[in-house]
């Protein structure tokens, strides 16, 4: 589903938080860059990513998990 804003929609806050974490793992964003938070869209009623404002607490809370997953992906690519 797409919003009129053109952004990808996440149906719940929890799904948006999980997607934000996965985005940081997959795209290897440096700290403070890329999408850093989520918001509830007034147009479609779903959650989207934003690079504006304060970083979402979940990024700091899950920082060690994100770093470990980034290392695991790096090794996976090296060993292919």
N, C-alpha and C. Protein backbone atom coordinates (compact mmCIF):
# COMPACT_ATOMS: atom_id res chain seq x y z
N UNK A 1 0.84 -1.19 0.00
CA UNK A 1 0.00 0.00 0.00
C UNK A 1 0.88 1.25 0.00
N UNK A 2 0.51 2.22 -0.75
CA UNK A 2 1.23 3.49 -0.80
C UNK A 2 0.30 4.62 -0.38
N UNK A 3 0.88 5.61 0.19
CA UNK A 3 0.17 6.81 0.63
C UNK A 3 0.26 7.85 -0.49
N UNK A 4 -0.57 8.87 -0.43
CA UNK A 4 -0.46 9.95 -1.42
C UNK A 4 0.87 10.68 -1.30
N UNK A 5 1.54 10.49 -0.17
CA UNK A 5 2.87 11.10 0.00
C UNK A 5 3.93 10.32 -0.78
N UNK A 6 3.58 9.11 -1.21
CA UNK A 6 4.53 8.26 -1.92
C UNK A 6 5.37 7.40 -1.00
N UNK A 7 5.16 7.54 0.29
CA UNK A 7 5.94 6.77 1.26
C UNK A 7 5.31 5.40 1.51
N UNK A 8 6.14 4.45 1.88
CA UNK A 8 5.67 3.12 2.22
C UNK A 8 4.88 3.18 3.53
N UNK A 9 3.80 2.43 3.59
CA UNK A 9 2.93 2.42 4.77
C UNK A 9 3.23 1.23 5.67
N UNK A 10 3.19 1.46 6.97
CA UNK A 10 3.29 0.41 7.98
C UNK A 10 2.02 0.51 8.81
N UNK A 11 1.29 -0.60 8.90
CA UNK A 11 -0.04 -0.57 9.50
C UNK A 11 -0.07 -0.23 10.98
N UNK A 12 0.94 -0.68 11.72
CA UNK A 12 0.96 -0.40 13.16
C UNK A 12 2.28 0.23 13.56
N UNK A 13 2.29 0.82 14.73
CA UNK A 13 3.51 1.42 15.26
C UNK A 13 4.59 0.36 15.46
N UNK A 14 4.18 -0.81 15.94
CA UNK A 14 5.14 -1.89 16.19
C UNK A 14 5.78 -2.36 14.88
N UNK A 15 4.98 -2.51 13.84
CA UNK A 15 5.52 -2.92 12.54
C UNK A 15 6.47 -1.85 11.98
N UNK A 16 6.13 -0.59 12.19
CA UNK A 16 6.99 0.50 11.73
C UNK A 16 8.32 0.51 12.49
N UNK A 17 8.27 0.24 13.79
CA UNK A 17 9.51 0.17 14.57
C UNK A 17 10.39 -0.98 14.10
N UNK A 18 9.79 -2.14 13.87
CA UNK A 18 10.56 -3.28 13.37
C UNK A 18 11.17 -2.98 12.01
N UNK A 19 10.40 -2.33 11.14
CA UNK A 19 10.89 -1.98 9.81
C UNK A 19 12.02 -0.95 9.90
N UNK A 20 11.93 -0.03 10.85
CA UNK A 20 12.99 0.96 11.05
C UNK A 20 14.30 0.28 11.45
N UNK A 21 14.21 -0.67 12.35
CA UNK A 21 15.39 -1.43 12.77
C UNK A 21 15.97 -2.19 11.58
N UNK A 22 15.13 -2.89 10.84
CA UNK A 22 15.59 -3.65 9.67
C UNK A 22 16.21 -2.73 8.62
N UNK A 23 15.65 -1.55 8.46
CA UNK A 23 16.19 -0.59 7.51
C UNK A 23 17.61 -0.20 7.90
N UNK A 24 17.84 0.02 9.19
CA UNK A 24 19.18 0.41 9.65
C UNK A 24 20.16 -0.74 9.51
N UNK A 25 19.71 -1.96 9.67
CA UNK A 25 20.58 -3.12 9.48
C UNK A 25 20.91 -3.28 8.00
N UNK A 26 19.91 -3.25 7.17
CA UNK A 26 20.09 -3.52 5.74
C UNK A 26 20.89 -2.44 5.03
N UNK A 27 20.61 -1.18 5.32
CA UNK A 27 21.25 -0.09 4.59
C UNK A 27 22.46 0.49 5.30
N UNK A 28 22.76 -0.02 6.51
CA UNK A 28 23.98 0.36 7.23
C UNK A 28 24.12 1.88 7.38
N UNK A 29 23.05 2.54 7.79
CA UNK A 29 23.08 3.98 7.99
C UNK A 29 24.02 4.35 9.14
N UNK A 30 24.86 5.34 8.96
CA UNK A 30 25.65 5.83 10.10
C UNK A 30 24.70 6.42 11.16
N UNK A 31 25.16 6.47 12.38
CA UNK A 31 24.33 6.99 13.47
C UNK A 31 23.84 8.40 13.13
N UNK A 32 22.53 8.59 13.29
CA UNK A 32 21.93 9.90 13.07
C UNK A 32 21.56 10.19 11.62
N UNK A 33 21.76 9.23 10.72
CA UNK A 33 21.39 9.47 9.33
C UNK A 33 20.36 8.44 8.87
N UNK A 34 19.86 8.64 7.66
CA UNK A 34 18.81 7.76 7.16
C UNK A 34 17.51 8.06 7.90
N UNK A 35 16.55 7.17 7.80
CA UNK A 35 15.33 7.39 8.58
C UNK A 35 15.64 7.20 10.06
N UNK A 36 15.20 8.13 10.87
CA UNK A 36 15.53 8.06 12.30
C UNK A 36 14.32 7.94 13.19
N UNK A 37 13.13 8.10 12.61
CA UNK A 37 11.93 8.05 13.44
C UNK A 37 10.75 7.63 12.57
N UNK A 38 9.61 7.45 13.22
CA UNK A 38 8.37 7.12 12.54
C UNK A 38 7.32 8.14 12.95
N UNK A 39 6.29 8.26 12.13
CA UNK A 39 5.18 9.14 12.49
C UNK A 39 3.89 8.60 11.91
N UNK A 40 2.79 8.98 12.52
CA UNK A 40 1.47 8.60 12.05
C UNK A 40 1.02 9.63 11.03
N UNK A 41 0.73 9.16 9.83
CA UNK A 41 0.36 10.04 8.72
C UNK A 41 -1.08 10.51 8.84
N UNK A 42 -1.29 11.79 8.66
CA UNK A 42 -2.65 12.34 8.71
C UNK A 42 -3.44 12.04 7.44
N UNK A 43 -2.75 11.65 6.37
CA UNK A 43 -3.43 11.38 5.10
C UNK A 43 -3.98 9.96 5.03
N UNK A 44 -3.16 8.98 5.44
CA UNK A 44 -3.57 7.58 5.25
C UNK A 44 -3.81 6.83 6.56
N UNK A 45 -3.38 7.40 7.68
CA UNK A 45 -3.60 6.74 8.97
C UNK A 45 -2.61 5.63 9.28
N UNK A 46 -1.55 5.50 8.46
CA UNK A 46 -0.51 4.52 8.70
C UNK A 46 0.77 5.22 9.12
N UNK A 47 1.77 4.44 9.48
CA UNK A 47 3.04 4.99 9.93
C UNK A 47 4.05 5.02 8.79
N UNK A 48 4.87 6.08 8.77
CA UNK A 48 5.93 6.26 7.79
C UNK A 48 7.24 6.56 8.51
N UNK A 49 8.35 6.43 7.77
CA UNK A 49 9.66 6.84 8.27
C UNK A 49 9.85 8.33 8.04
N UNK A 50 10.69 8.93 8.88
CA UNK A 50 11.11 10.31 8.68
C UNK A 50 12.57 10.45 9.07
N UNK A 51 13.25 11.39 8.45
CA UNK A 51 14.63 11.70 8.82
C UNK A 51 14.68 12.98 9.65
N UNK A 52 13.51 13.50 10.00
CA UNK A 52 13.41 14.75 10.76
C UNK A 52 13.21 14.47 12.25
N UNK A 53 13.59 15.42 13.07
CA UNK A 53 13.34 15.34 14.50
C UNK A 53 14.35 14.50 15.25
N UNK A 54 13.95 14.09 16.41
CA UNK A 54 14.80 13.29 17.29
C UNK A 54 14.77 11.82 16.87
N UNK A 55 15.89 11.12 17.04
CA UNK A 55 15.90 9.68 16.73
C UNK A 55 14.94 8.92 17.65
N UNK A 56 14.30 7.93 17.11
CA UNK A 56 13.37 7.09 17.86
C UNK A 56 14.15 6.35 18.95
N UNK A 57 13.59 6.24 20.13
CA UNK A 57 14.26 5.59 21.25
C UNK A 57 14.66 4.15 20.92
N UNK A 58 13.93 3.50 20.03
CA UNK A 58 14.19 2.09 19.73
C UNK A 58 15.56 1.91 19.07
N UNK A 59 16.02 2.92 18.33
CA UNK A 59 17.33 2.81 17.68
C UNK A 59 18.45 2.76 18.72
N UNK A 60 18.31 3.51 19.79
CA UNK A 60 19.30 3.47 20.86
C UNK A 60 19.13 2.20 21.69
N UNK A 61 17.89 1.85 21.97
CA UNK A 61 17.59 0.66 22.77
C UNK A 61 18.11 -0.61 22.09
N UNK A 62 18.03 -0.66 20.78
CA UNK A 62 18.43 -1.84 20.02
C UNK A 62 19.78 -1.66 19.32
N UNK A 63 20.57 -0.68 19.74
CA UNK A 63 21.84 -0.37 19.07
C UNK A 63 22.78 -1.57 19.02
N UNK A 64 22.90 -2.32 20.11
CA UNK A 64 23.80 -3.47 20.10
C UNK A 64 23.28 -4.57 19.18
N UNK A 65 21.97 -4.76 19.14
CA UNK A 65 21.37 -5.74 18.23
C UNK A 65 21.61 -5.34 16.77
N UNK A 66 21.39 -4.06 16.46
CA UNK A 66 21.60 -3.56 15.11
C UNK A 66 23.06 -3.75 14.70
N UNK A 67 24.00 -3.41 15.59
CA UNK A 67 25.42 -3.56 15.29
C UNK A 67 25.78 -5.03 15.05
N UNK A 68 25.24 -5.92 15.87
CA UNK A 68 25.53 -7.35 15.72
C UNK A 68 24.98 -7.88 14.40
N UNK A 69 23.79 -7.44 14.03
CA UNK A 69 23.20 -7.88 12.77
C UNK A 69 23.97 -7.33 11.57
N UNK A 70 24.46 -6.10 11.68
CA UNK A 70 25.29 -5.52 10.61
C UNK A 70 26.57 -6.34 10.43
N UNK A 71 27.20 -6.72 11.55
CA UNK A 71 28.42 -7.54 11.47
C UNK A 71 28.11 -8.90 10.85
N UNK A 72 27.01 -9.50 11.25
CA UNK A 72 26.62 -10.80 10.71
C UNK A 72 26.38 -10.71 9.21
N UNK A 73 25.71 -9.68 8.75
CA UNK A 73 25.48 -9.50 7.30
C UNK A 73 26.79 -9.28 6.57
N UNK A 74 27.68 -8.50 7.17
CA UNK A 74 28.97 -8.25 6.54
C UNK A 74 29.73 -9.56 6.35
N UNK A 75 29.77 -10.39 7.37
CA UNK A 75 30.46 -11.68 7.26
C UNK A 75 29.76 -12.61 6.27
N UNK A 76 28.44 -12.57 6.24
CA UNK A 76 27.70 -13.39 5.30
C UNK A 76 28.08 -13.03 3.85
N UNK A 77 28.17 -11.73 3.57
CA UNK A 77 28.55 -11.29 2.22
C UNK A 77 29.99 -11.65 1.90
N UNK A 78 30.87 -11.55 2.88
CA UNK A 78 32.28 -11.89 2.67
C UNK A 78 32.47 -13.37 2.36
N UNK A 79 31.67 -14.21 2.98
CA UNK A 79 31.83 -15.65 2.84
C UNK A 79 31.10 -16.23 1.63
N UNK A 80 30.41 -15.41 0.89
CA UNK A 80 29.70 -15.91 -0.31
C UNK A 80 30.66 -16.14 -1.43
